[in-house]
Every structure is written in C-alpha cells, then in structure tokens.
Amino acid sequence: MKFVLANYGTRGDVEPFVAVGQELQRRGHDVCMAVPNDSLGFVESAGLAAVAYGLDSQAVEGFRSQPSKIQNPIGVLPEVIEHVTQAWAEKGTTLMSLADGADLLLAGYNQQTLAANVAEYHGIPLAALHIFPTQLLDFGWLHRRITKEAEDALRRGADAGVADGCRR
C-alpha cells in the first residue's frame, strides 16, 4: 500500500510522523512524507522519502515569537493573508500530486482541512494523527476565510500542478 503522511511544524510535530512512517515502511508499505523544507534532512536520515511542504517551520516560528516587533498589526494583515493563501495553495498542489495513487492520506491536526479536500478529490481515505491533546481555539472561521480562494481552486482541481514526488 502507498501512504502519504502530511504534517507541518517543528521537529516535535514531525518526529511522531517519522515513527509511524518507519513502522509502515518496516511492514512493507511505500511511505512518502510531506514536511517543512527544514525537516527534509531529518526525515530522510530516518530512511523515509520526503517532499518539501510549505515554508521552513523555523521561519514561521520566528514570526510567531516576535509579535511585539510589529508596530501596526492591522497594517501587516494583508501581507499575512496573502502569505497564508499562497502557502496554502502551494501545500495543496504538493499534496494533490503526492496523494495521486495513494491508498491513505494521514494528516496532522493542523493539516486536516487541506488533506480532507485532497483525499476527497482522489477518493482515498483520510486519517488524522493527533500527537498531543489540545483544545484548539476556534480560529477556524478566520483561517477558512483566508484560505477560501486557494481551497476552492484545489477542490475544483484547477491547475493542480505536479510536484517532484518523493526522493530518497
């Protein structure tokens, strides 16, 4: 069977997916992971195929840790919205390509909406892996508004593009 594992975040978010991927691979399955570019080396050193997915997680974490340096949060909102929309569309294109021919798509909690669209498009099952207990704040409505255009294009299958695929 072919499994695609998609998760985004720092190493602490990616590492549990590596453990799952290694076990699936040990059992004879094909595994490809979609992870931030700065996690590719870690995933590949664990013996798994990986594809860059989204921005470097360290760049995103750096932005989150420095909100006090933003003079006018409302003023940067259009830039943030554009950035999130573009990143979401790029992730969708990558995941759409990787999931083609997959038997299962496994996604982290922060990738489930995107993964659900991709799984539905390809007619494959989606499973979610929650690596820690959390009560998410309901910012889903805001995220949906920001990513609506990219999601709509992905759901239509418009210009899905082709990713490089997994590399070893």
N, C-alpha and C. Protein backbone atom coordinates (compact mmCIF):
# COMPACT_ATOMS: atom_id res chain seq x y z
N MET A 1 0.83 -1.18 0.00
CA MET A 1 0.00 0.00 0.00
C MET A 1 0.88 1.25 0.00
N LYS A 2 0.33 2.32 -0.52
CA LYS A 2 1.05 3.60 -0.56
C LYS A 2 0.42 4.56 0.45
N PHE A 3 1.25 5.07 1.36
CA PHE A 3 0.79 6.01 2.38
C PHE A 3 1.47 7.36 2.17
N VAL A 4 0.69 8.42 2.29
CA VAL A 4 1.22 9.77 2.29
C VAL A 4 0.95 10.35 3.67
N LEU A 5 2.01 10.82 4.32
CA LEU A 5 1.91 11.42 5.65
C LEU A 5 2.23 12.90 5.51
N ALA A 6 1.30 13.75 5.91
CA ALA A 6 1.48 15.19 5.77
C ALA A 6 1.35 15.86 7.13
N ASN A 7 2.40 16.52 7.53
CA ASN A 7 2.34 17.28 8.77
C ASN A 7 3.24 18.49 8.63
N TYR A 8 2.89 19.52 9.36
CA TYR A 8 3.64 20.76 9.29
C TYR A 8 3.92 21.24 10.69
N GLY A 9 5.13 21.71 10.91
CA GLY A 9 5.52 22.24 12.20
C GLY A 9 7.00 22.01 12.42
N THR A 10 7.39 22.14 13.66
CA THR A 10 8.79 21.95 14.01
C THR A 10 9.08 20.45 14.17
N ARG A 11 10.29 20.13 14.55
CA ARG A 11 10.68 18.73 14.67
C ARG A 11 9.77 17.96 15.63
N GLY A 12 9.32 18.61 16.69
CA GLY A 12 8.43 17.95 17.64
C GLY A 12 7.10 17.55 17.02
N ASP A 13 6.69 18.25 15.98
CA ASP A 13 5.46 17.90 15.26
C ASP A 13 5.73 16.79 14.24
N VAL A 14 6.90 16.82 13.63
CA VAL A 14 7.24 15.89 12.55
C VAL A 14 7.68 14.53 13.08
N GLU A 15 8.41 14.51 14.19
CA GLU A 15 9.02 13.27 14.67
C GLU A 15 8.02 12.13 14.91
N PRO A 16 6.86 12.37 15.50
CA PRO A 16 5.91 11.25 15.66
C PRO A 16 5.46 10.67 14.31
N PHE A 17 5.37 11.50 13.29
CA PHE A 17 5.02 11.01 11.97
C PHE A 17 6.14 10.16 11.39
N VAL A 18 7.38 10.50 11.70
CA VAL A 18 8.51 9.69 11.27
C VAL A 18 8.41 8.29 11.88
N ALA A 19 8.07 8.23 13.16
CA ALA A 19 7.92 6.93 13.82
C ALA A 19 6.83 6.09 13.15
N VAL A 20 5.71 6.71 12.84
CA VAL A 20 4.63 6.00 12.15
C VAL A 20 5.09 5.57 10.76
N GLY A 21 5.75 6.48 10.04
CA GLY A 21 6.25 6.17 8.70
C GLY A 21 7.24 5.02 8.71
N GLN A 22 8.14 5.01 9.68
CA GLN A 22 9.12 3.92 9.76
C GLN A 22 8.43 2.58 10.01
N GLU A 23 7.43 2.57 10.86
CA GLU A 23 6.72 1.32 11.13
C GLU A 23 5.95 0.85 9.90
N LEU A 24 5.31 1.76 9.20
CA LEU A 24 4.62 1.37 7.97
C LEU A 24 5.61 0.82 6.95
N GLN A 25 6.75 1.47 6.83
CA GLN A 25 7.77 1.02 5.89
C GLN A 25 8.32 -0.35 6.30
N ARG A 26 8.53 -0.55 7.59
CA ARG A 26 9.01 -1.84 8.10
C ARG A 26 8.04 -2.96 7.73
N ARG A 27 6.77 -2.62 7.68
CA ARG A 27 5.74 -3.61 7.34
C ARG A 27 5.58 -3.78 5.82
N GLY A 28 6.43 -3.12 5.05
CA GLY A 28 6.44 -3.33 3.61
C GLY A 28 5.66 -2.33 2.78
N HIS A 29 5.19 -1.25 3.38
CA HIS A 29 4.41 -0.27 2.65
C HIS A 29 5.31 0.83 2.09
N ASP A 30 4.84 1.48 1.02
CA ASP A 30 5.52 2.66 0.49
C ASP A 30 5.04 3.87 1.28
N VAL A 31 6.00 4.67 1.72
CA VAL A 31 5.68 5.84 2.55
C VAL A 31 6.36 7.06 1.96
N CYS A 32 5.59 8.13 1.86
CA CYS A 32 6.14 9.42 1.45
C CYS A 32 5.63 10.46 2.44
N MET A 33 6.53 11.28 2.93
CA MET A 33 6.16 12.31 3.90
C MET A 33 6.25 13.69 3.28
N ALA A 34 5.25 14.51 3.56
CA ALA A 34 5.24 15.92 3.18
C ALA A 34 5.51 16.71 4.46
N VAL A 35 6.67 17.36 4.51
CA VAL A 35 7.11 18.06 5.72
C VAL A 35 7.76 19.39 5.35
N PRO A 36 7.91 20.30 6.32
CA PRO A 36 8.62 21.55 6.01
C PRO A 36 10.02 21.28 5.47
N ASN A 37 10.47 22.16 4.60
CA ASN A 37 11.78 22.00 3.97
C ASN A 37 12.90 21.77 4.98
N ASP A 38 12.83 22.45 6.13
CA ASP A 38 13.90 22.28 7.11
C ASP A 38 13.82 20.96 7.87
N SER A 39 12.82 20.13 7.59
CA SER A 39 12.72 18.80 8.19
C SER A 39 13.10 17.69 7.22
N LEU A 40 13.37 18.04 5.96
CA LEU A 40 13.69 17.02 4.96
C LEU A 40 14.88 16.15 5.36
N GLY A 41 15.96 16.77 5.79
CA GLY A 41 17.16 16.02 6.17
C GLY A 41 16.88 15.05 7.30
N PHE A 42 16.13 15.49 8.29
CA PHE A 42 15.79 14.63 9.42
C PHE A 42 14.97 13.42 8.96
N VAL A 43 13.96 13.67 8.15
CA VAL A 43 13.09 12.58 7.68
C VAL A 43 13.88 11.61 6.81
N GLU A 44 14.68 12.14 5.90
CA GLU A 44 15.47 11.28 5.02
C GLU A 44 16.53 10.50 5.79
N SER A 45 17.10 11.09 6.86
CA SER A 45 18.09 10.37 7.66
C SER A 45 17.44 9.21 8.43
N ALA A 46 16.11 9.26 8.57
CA ALA A 46 15.38 8.16 9.21
C ALA A 46 15.01 7.09 8.19
N GLY A 47 15.43 7.29 6.94
CA GLY A 47 15.19 6.28 5.91
C GLY A 47 13.88 6.41 5.18
N LEU A 48 13.25 7.57 5.26
CA LEU A 48 11.95 7.78 4.62
C LEU A 48 12.06 8.77 3.47
N ALA A 49 11.23 8.57 2.47
CA ALA A 49 11.15 9.52 1.35
C ALA A 49 10.39 10.75 1.82
N ALA A 50 10.83 11.92 1.36
CA ALA A 50 10.20 13.16 1.82
C ALA A 50 10.16 14.20 0.71
N VAL A 51 9.16 15.07 0.82
CA VAL A 51 8.98 16.18 -0.11
C VAL A 51 8.77 17.44 0.70
N ALA A 52 9.35 18.55 0.23
CA ALA A 52 9.17 19.84 0.90
C ALA A 52 7.72 20.26 0.81
N TYR A 53 7.21 20.77 1.94
CA TYR A 53 5.79 21.09 2.08
C TYR A 53 5.67 22.35 2.91
N GLY A 54 5.42 23.45 2.25
CA GLY A 54 5.29 24.72 2.97
C GLY A 54 6.63 25.37 3.25
N LEU A 55 6.57 26.42 4.01
CA LEU A 55 7.77 27.18 4.38
C LEU A 55 8.59 26.44 5.42
N ASP A 56 9.83 26.87 5.59
CA ASP A 56 10.61 26.36 6.72
C ASP A 56 9.85 26.65 7.99
N SER A 57 9.74 25.67 8.85
CA SER A 57 8.99 25.87 10.10
C SER A 57 9.69 26.88 11.00
N GLN A 58 10.99 26.98 10.93
CA GLN A 58 11.72 27.94 11.77
C GLN A 58 11.38 29.38 11.39
N ALA A 59 11.15 29.63 10.10
CA ALA A 59 10.78 30.97 9.67
C ALA A 59 9.41 31.35 10.24
N VAL A 60 8.49 30.41 10.23
CA VAL A 60 7.16 30.67 10.78
C VAL A 60 7.23 30.86 12.28
N GLU A 61 8.01 30.02 12.97
CA GLU A 61 8.15 30.14 14.41
C GLU A 61 8.79 31.48 14.78
N GLY A 62 9.77 31.93 13.98
CA GLY A 62 10.40 33.22 14.23
C GLY A 62 9.41 34.36 14.15
N PHE A 63 8.49 34.29 13.20
CA PHE A 63 7.46 35.32 13.06
C PHE A 63 6.53 35.29 14.27
N ARG A 64 6.14 34.10 14.70
CA ARG A 64 5.23 33.98 15.84
C ARG A 64 5.86 34.48 17.13
N SER A 65 7.16 34.30 17.27
CA SER A 65 7.81 34.66 18.53
C SER A 65 8.17 36.14 18.61
N GLN A 66 7.92 36.92 17.56
CA GLN A 66 8.31 38.31 17.56
C GLN A 66 7.15 39.27 17.29
N PRO A 67 5.95 38.98 17.82
CA PRO A 67 4.83 39.88 17.50
C PRO A 67 5.01 41.28 18.05
N SER A 68 5.80 41.44 19.11
CA SER A 68 5.98 42.77 19.69
C SER A 68 6.76 43.71 18.77
N LYS A 69 7.47 43.16 17.78
CA LYS A 69 8.24 43.99 16.86
C LYS A 69 7.37 44.56 15.74
N ILE A 70 6.13 44.11 15.65
CA ILE A 70 5.21 44.61 14.64
C ILE A 70 4.55 45.87 15.20
N GLN A 71 4.79 46.99 14.55
CA GLN A 71 4.27 48.26 15.02
C GLN A 71 2.76 48.37 14.86
N ASN A 72 2.25 47.92 13.72
CA ASN A 72 0.83 48.04 13.44
C ASN A 72 0.31 46.69 12.92
N PRO A 73 -0.22 45.83 13.81
CA PRO A 73 -0.67 44.50 13.38
C PRO A 73 -1.72 44.56 12.27
N ILE A 74 -2.60 45.54 12.31
CA ILE A 74 -3.62 45.66 11.27
C ILE A 74 -2.98 45.98 9.92
N GLY A 75 -1.92 46.75 9.94
CA GLY A 75 -1.24 47.13 8.71
C GLY A 75 -0.57 45.96 8.00
N VAL A 76 -0.13 44.95 8.75
CA VAL A 76 0.52 43.80 8.12
C VAL A 76 -0.46 42.70 7.77
N LEU A 77 -1.72 42.86 8.15
CA LEU A 77 -2.72 41.81 7.90
C LEU A 77 -2.84 41.44 6.42
N PRO A 78 -2.91 42.39 5.49
CA PRO A 78 -2.99 41.99 4.08
C PRO A 78 -1.79 41.14 3.65
N GLU A 79 -0.61 41.49 4.13
CA GLU A 79 0.59 40.71 3.79
C GLU A 79 0.50 39.29 4.37
N VAL A 80 0.02 39.19 5.60
CA VAL A 80 -0.13 37.88 6.24
C VAL A 80 -1.15 37.04 5.49
N ILE A 81 -2.27 37.64 5.13
CA ILE A 81 -3.32 36.92 4.39
C ILE A 81 -2.79 36.43 3.06
N GLU A 82 -2.08 37.30 2.34
CA GLU A 82 -1.51 36.89 1.05
C GLU A 82 -0.51 35.75 1.23
N HIS A 83 0.31 35.86 2.24
CA HIS A 83 1.32 34.83 2.51
C HIS A 83 0.67 33.49 2.85
N VAL A 84 -0.32 33.51 3.73
CA VAL A 84 -1.01 32.27 4.13
C VAL A 84 -1.73 31.66 2.93
N THR A 85 -2.38 32.48 2.14
CA THR A 85 -3.10 31.99 0.96
C THR A 85 -2.14 31.33 -0.02
N GLN A 86 -1.01 31.98 -0.27
CA GLN A 86 -0.03 31.42 -1.20
C GLN A 86 0.55 30.12 -0.67
N ALA A 87 0.91 30.09 0.61
CA ALA A 87 1.47 28.88 1.21
C ALA A 87 0.45 27.74 1.17
N TRP A 88 -0.81 28.05 1.45
CA TRP A 88 -1.86 27.03 1.44
C TRP A 88 -2.04 26.46 0.04
N ALA A 89 -2.02 27.32 -0.97
CA ALA A 89 -2.15 26.86 -2.35
C ALA A 89 -0.97 25.98 -2.75
N GLU A 90 0.25 26.38 -2.37
CA GLU A 90 1.43 25.58 -2.68
C GLU A 90 1.38 24.22 -1.98
N LYS A 91 0.96 24.22 -0.72
CA LYS A 91 0.83 22.95 0.00
C LYS A 91 -0.22 22.06 -0.68
N GLY A 92 -1.31 22.68 -1.11
CA GLY A 92 -2.36 21.91 -1.78
C GLY A 92 -1.87 21.28 -3.07
N THR A 93 -1.10 22.02 -3.85
CA THR A 93 -0.55 21.49 -5.10
C THR A 93 0.38 20.31 -4.81
N THR A 94 1.24 20.46 -3.82
CA THR A 94 2.16 19.38 -3.46
C THR A 94 1.41 18.15 -3.00
N LEU A 95 0.46 18.35 -2.09
CA LEU A 95 -0.28 17.23 -1.53
C LEU A 95 -1.16 16.56 -2.59
N MET A 96 -1.72 17.36 -3.49
CA MET A 96 -2.55 16.80 -4.56
C MET A 96 -1.72 15.84 -5.41
N SER A 97 -0.52 16.22 -5.73
CA SER A 97 0.35 15.39 -6.55
C SER A 97 0.78 14.13 -5.79
N LEU A 98 1.18 14.30 -4.54
CA LEU A 98 1.64 13.14 -3.76
C LEU A 98 0.55 12.12 -3.52
N ALA A 99 -0.68 12.58 -3.32
CA ALA A 99 -1.78 11.67 -2.99
C ALA A 99 -2.31 10.91 -4.20
N ASP A 100 -1.91 11.31 -5.39
CA ASP A 100 -2.37 10.62 -6.59
C ASP A 100 -1.86 9.17 -6.54
N GLY A 101 -2.76 8.23 -6.48
CA GLY A 101 -2.40 6.82 -6.42
C GLY A 101 -2.15 6.29 -5.02
N ALA A 102 -2.30 7.14 -4.01
CA ALA A 102 -2.10 6.69 -2.62
C ALA A 102 -3.31 5.90 -2.14
N ASP A 103 -3.08 5.06 -1.15
CA ASP A 103 -4.15 4.28 -0.55
C ASP A 103 -4.70 4.95 0.70
N LEU A 104 -3.88 5.81 1.33
CA LEU A 104 -4.32 6.51 2.54
C LEU A 104 -3.52 7.79 2.70
N LEU A 105 -4.19 8.83 3.14
CA LEU A 105 -3.54 10.10 3.47
C LEU A 105 -3.68 10.29 4.97
N LEU A 106 -2.56 10.44 5.64
CA LEU A 106 -2.53 10.64 7.10
C LEU A 106 -2.04 12.06 7.35
N ALA A 107 -2.83 12.84 8.10
CA ALA A 107 -2.51 14.25 8.31
C ALA A 107 -2.49 14.61 9.78
N GLY A 108 -1.66 15.60 10.10
CA GLY A 108 -1.63 16.16 11.44
C GLY A 108 -2.80 17.08 11.65
N TYR A 109 -3.04 17.45 12.90
CA TYR A 109 -4.22 18.25 13.23
C TYR A 109 -4.26 19.57 12.48
N ASN A 110 -3.10 20.14 12.19
CA ASN A 110 -3.08 21.45 11.53
C ASN A 110 -3.14 21.35 10.00
N GLN A 111 -3.31 20.14 9.48
CA GLN A 111 -3.37 19.95 8.03
C GLN A 111 -4.64 19.24 7.59
N GLN A 112 -5.55 19.00 8.51
CA GLN A 112 -6.71 18.17 8.20
C GLN A 112 -7.65 18.76 7.16
N THR A 113 -7.90 20.05 7.18
CA THR A 113 -8.82 20.64 6.21
C THR A 113 -8.27 20.50 4.80
N LEU A 114 -7.02 20.84 4.63
CA LEU A 114 -6.38 20.71 3.32
C LEU A 114 -6.35 19.24 2.90
N ALA A 115 -5.96 18.36 3.80
CA ALA A 115 -5.87 16.94 3.48
C ALA A 115 -7.24 16.35 3.15
N ALA A 116 -8.28 16.82 3.82
CA ALA A 116 -9.63 16.33 3.54
C ALA A 116 -10.03 16.66 2.10
N ASN A 117 -9.72 17.85 1.65
CA ASN A 117 -10.02 18.24 0.27
C ASN A 117 -9.27 17.35 -0.72
N VAL A 118 -8.00 17.11 -0.44
CA VAL A 118 -7.17 16.29 -1.34
C VAL A 118 -7.66 14.85 -1.35
N ALA A 119 -7.94 14.29 -0.17
CA ALA A 119 -8.43 12.91 -0.08
C ALA A 119 -9.76 12.75 -0.81
N GLU A 120 -10.64 13.72 -0.65
CA GLU A 120 -11.93 13.67 -1.33
C GLU A 120 -11.74 13.71 -2.84
N TYR A 121 -10.86 14.58 -3.30
CA TYR A 121 -10.60 14.71 -4.73
C TYR A 121 -10.12 13.39 -5.33
N HIS A 122 -9.22 12.71 -4.60
CA HIS A 122 -8.64 11.46 -5.10
C HIS A 122 -9.47 10.23 -4.72
N GLY A 123 -10.48 10.41 -3.89
CA GLY A 123 -11.31 9.28 -3.49
C GLY A 123 -10.58 8.29 -2.61
N ILE A 124 -9.72 8.81 -1.74
CA ILE A 124 -8.97 7.94 -0.82
C ILE A 124 -9.33 8.28 0.62
N PRO A 125 -9.12 7.34 1.52
CA PRO A 125 -9.41 7.62 2.93
C PRO A 125 -8.42 8.62 3.53
N LEU A 126 -8.90 9.34 4.52
CA LEU A 126 -8.08 10.28 5.29
C LEU A 126 -8.10 9.83 6.74
N ALA A 127 -6.94 9.81 7.35
CA ALA A 127 -6.84 9.54 8.78
C ALA A 127 -6.11 10.72 9.41
N ALA A 128 -6.44 11.00 10.66
CA ALA A 128 -5.80 12.11 11.37
C ALA A 128 -5.00 11.54 12.53
N LEU A 129 -3.82 12.10 12.73
CA LEU A 129 -2.98 11.71 13.86
C LEU A 129 -2.81 12.93 14.75
N HIS A 130 -3.35 12.85 15.94
CA HIS A 130 -3.20 13.92 16.92
C HIS A 130 -2.11 13.49 17.89
N ILE A 131 -0.99 14.19 17.87
CA ILE A 131 0.18 13.76 18.63
C ILE A 131 0.21 14.29 20.05
N PHE A 132 -0.71 15.17 20.38
CA PHE A 132 -0.81 15.68 21.75
C PHE A 132 -2.23 16.18 21.97
N PRO A 133 -2.69 16.09 23.21
CA PRO A 133 -4.03 16.59 23.48
C PRO A 133 -4.04 18.11 23.39
N THR A 134 -5.06 18.63 22.76
CA THR A 134 -5.15 20.07 22.62
C THR A 134 -6.59 20.49 22.47
N GLN A 135 -6.87 21.64 22.96
CA GLN A 135 -8.17 22.25 22.71
C GLN A 135 -7.89 23.45 21.82
N LEU A 136 -8.18 23.29 20.56
CA LEU A 136 -7.88 24.35 19.61
C LEU A 136 -8.82 25.51 19.80
N LEU A 137 -8.27 26.70 19.78
CA LEU A 137 -9.11 27.88 19.78
C LEU A 137 -9.86 27.91 18.46
N ASP A 138 -11.04 28.39 18.47
CA ASP A 138 -11.84 28.36 17.26
C ASP A 138 -11.50 29.56 16.37
N PHE A 139 -10.34 29.46 15.74
CA PHE A 139 -9.96 30.44 14.74
C PHE A 139 -10.19 29.86 13.35
N GLY A 140 -10.87 28.71 13.31
CA GLY A 140 -11.13 28.04 12.04
C GLY A 140 -11.86 28.94 11.06
N TRP A 141 -12.81 29.74 11.54
CA TRP A 141 -13.56 30.63 10.65
C TRP A 141 -12.64 31.62 9.98
N LEU A 142 -11.64 32.13 10.72
CA LEU A 142 -10.70 33.10 10.15
C LEU A 142 -9.81 32.41 9.12
N HIS A 143 -9.30 31.25 9.48
CA HIS A 143 -8.44 30.50 8.57
C HIS A 143 -9.20 30.15 7.29
N ARG A 144 -10.45 29.73 7.43
CA ARG A 144 -11.25 29.39 6.25
C ARG A 144 -11.45 30.61 5.35
N ARG A 145 -11.64 31.77 5.94
CA ARG A 145 -11.82 32.98 5.12
C ARG A 145 -10.54 33.31 4.38
N ILE A 146 -9.41 33.15 5.04
CA ILE A 146 -8.12 33.48 4.42
C ILE A 146 -7.79 32.51 3.30
N THR A 147 -8.06 31.23 3.50
CA THR A 147 -7.64 30.20 2.54
C THR A 147 -8.75 29.79 1.57
N LYS A 148 -9.90 30.44 1.63
CA LYS A 148 -11.05 30.03 0.81
C LYS A 148 -10.72 29.96 -0.68
N GLU A 149 -10.10 31.00 -1.21
CA GLU A 149 -9.80 31.03 -2.64
C GLU A 149 -8.89 29.87 -3.04
N ALA A 150 -7.84 29.64 -2.26
CA ALA A 150 -6.91 28.54 -2.56
C ALA A 150 -7.62 27.19 -2.43
N GLU A 151 -8.43 27.03 -1.41
CA GLU A 151 -9.17 25.78 -1.23
C GLU A 151 -10.16 25.55 -2.35
N ASP A 152 -10.87 26.59 -2.76
CA ASP A 152 -11.83 26.45 -3.85
C ASP A 152 -11.14 25.99 -5.13
N ALA A 153 -10.00 26.58 -5.43
CA ALA A 153 -9.24 26.18 -6.62
C ALA A 153 -8.78 24.73 -6.51
N LEU A 154 -8.33 24.35 -5.34
CA LEU A 154 -7.88 22.98 -5.13
C LEU A 154 -9.05 22.01 -5.30
N ARG A 155 -10.19 22.34 -4.72
CA ARG A 155 -11.36 21.46 -4.81
C ARG A 155 -11.84 21.31 -6.25
N ARG A 156 -11.67 22.34 -7.05
CA ARG A 156 -12.05 22.25 -8.46
C ARG A 156 -11.02 21.46 -9.25
N GLY A 157 -9.86 21.26 -8.66
CA GLY A 157 -8.80 20.57 -9.38
C GLY A 157 -8.11 21.46 -10.37
N ALA A 158 -8.31 22.77 -10.22
CA ALA A 158 -7.75 23.72 -11.17
C ALA A 158 -6.25 23.83 -11.01
N ASP A 159 -5.55 23.63 -12.09
CA ASP A 159 -4.11 23.84 -12.13
C ASP A 159 -3.42 23.17 -10.96
N ALA A 160 -3.69 21.87 -10.75
CA ALA A 160 -3.13 21.14 -9.62
C ALA A 160 -1.60 21.06 -9.70
N GLY A 161 -1.05 21.14 -10.88
CA GLY A 161 0.40 21.10 -10.99
C GLY A 161 0.95 19.74 -10.66
N VAL A 162 2.26 19.63 -10.74
CA VAL A 162 2.92 18.36 -10.44
C VAL A 162 4.11 18.66 -9.56
N ALA A 163 4.16 18.00 -8.42
CA ALA A 163 5.31 18.13 -7.53
C ALA A 163 6.40 17.17 -7.98
N ASP A 164 7.59 17.34 -7.46
CA ASP A 164 8.70 16.48 -7.83
C ASP A 164 8.50 15.04 -7.36
N GLY A 165 7.67 14.82 -6.40
CA GLY A 165 7.47 13.49 -5.85
C GLY A 165 8.49 13.22 -4.77
N CYS A 166 8.37 12.07 -4.16
CA CYS A 166 9.27 11.72 -3.07
C CYS A 166 10.65 11.40 -3.60
N ARG A 167 11.62 11.81 -2.83
CA ARG A 167 13.00 11.49 -3.22
C ARG A 167 13.66 10.77 -2.07
N ARG A 168 14.57 9.95 -2.37
CA ARG A 168 15.30 9.21 -1.33
C ARG A 168 16.73 9.67 -1.30
